[in-house]
């Protein structure tokens, strides 16, 4: 399935020995100390530019952001689409890359970053209308899979084979860091309301930082398969989701876990809190799981069209935007109650 290019790193074959521990004597040491060197590559003098495609809103899209009424979605071939009318219409912007973009994050309505394949890092200061190529290194052969900023200056880009970059100047310069001797794919980074940071990674790996990302602790895992998303709830409560419909909850910042029945084996790819506070977990095969008890149990409301969902954001108090294998689609929130599947609703020019 095309959508798995984000979650399985564009069908990259794992390098020989990539799962072997480097330096076994360090395995028992935690939290992991962070090491740094200087990033060597940078933007080329004449970067490629994405083509404006009439059907970009129907192409593979992998992530979306919503802030102050503005929606931004990113995906294959460097596609970035922006909407200022709640998803009724979309405008594709010119972007200085044709690499697949896997993640986008906005600090406010104007300032945002996007990352993707070829180790691409982009920044916008006008809400996505124009983009600057800050960094890329095709020879690295490791895509970035997520990007997150604590404020306008301090942020992280994470990705395949333990790829971890940090910046303290808004992305002007980046420092590669090592957070573990394992080179597992780092899929998703989130922050709780207590300030703790979490990374969902492959092979049943979860990391937590209690000091803003300076050091990372590998947590005990409830499952050997890959995780793709964490959703911090209130305090130290946390949801963790991944392959084959596996969903877990922790009430002690990842020290212990309880399995949650989902009734599905679909890959779970993203999670948010709805405007009314209810947790929502989404995934492939149109899977949408909603909790009415604070994330202790979930009811399934799969989309009838089995839209492969990579990411979900709230448009407003009544609608969601889902992006994935078929581009963009809107989802009425009121369909996520009661029993039975949810119906698709097209957006833009779909």
Foldseek 3Di string as FASTA:
>chain_A
DCQCCLVVVHPDDDDVPQQPFDPVVCQPDPLFAKDWDFDDFWDDPQFAKADFDPQQLQAFWFEWDDAPQKIWTFFAQGWIWIDNHLQQAIDTAIARHGHTWAEKDAQHQAWIWTWWAQRWIWITRGNPNYIDTQGGHNVVRWTFHYKDAPHQAWIWTFFFQQFIWITRGNRNTIITIHQHSRGWTWADWDAAPQGKIWTFTAQQWIWIDPPNPSTIGIADGPDRGGWHDKDHAHDLWIWIFFAQGWIWIDPHNRNDIDTEDDPGRFTWAEWDQAPVRWIWIAAFQQWIWTDPPRPRYTATAGEPVRFGFRYKDASDNFWIWTGGRRRIWIFGPVSRDDDYHGYTHHGHPD
